[in-house]
């Protein structure tokens, strides 16, 4: 099952936490939203909406008759 992990670029939480979430799920995608803090949907609502809609309608969207291919990205720079 595809999983979307979102984190804000300015989140007060350690970026390693989001990477750990991503690594926990075999078909996870990690997206970092520029200029957002911990509450992405409040800080950058349009970027949040676009990320979620893109994930739900993009290649990770699952059809019942197709197997899921892993999609793992990391837009997060290592600090």
Foldseek 3Di string as FASTA:
>chain_A
DEEEQEAEPAEPDDPVVSVVVQVVDQQYEYDYDYPDYGCCCVRPVVSVVVVVVCCCPDLQNDDPVDDGDHDYDDPDDDD
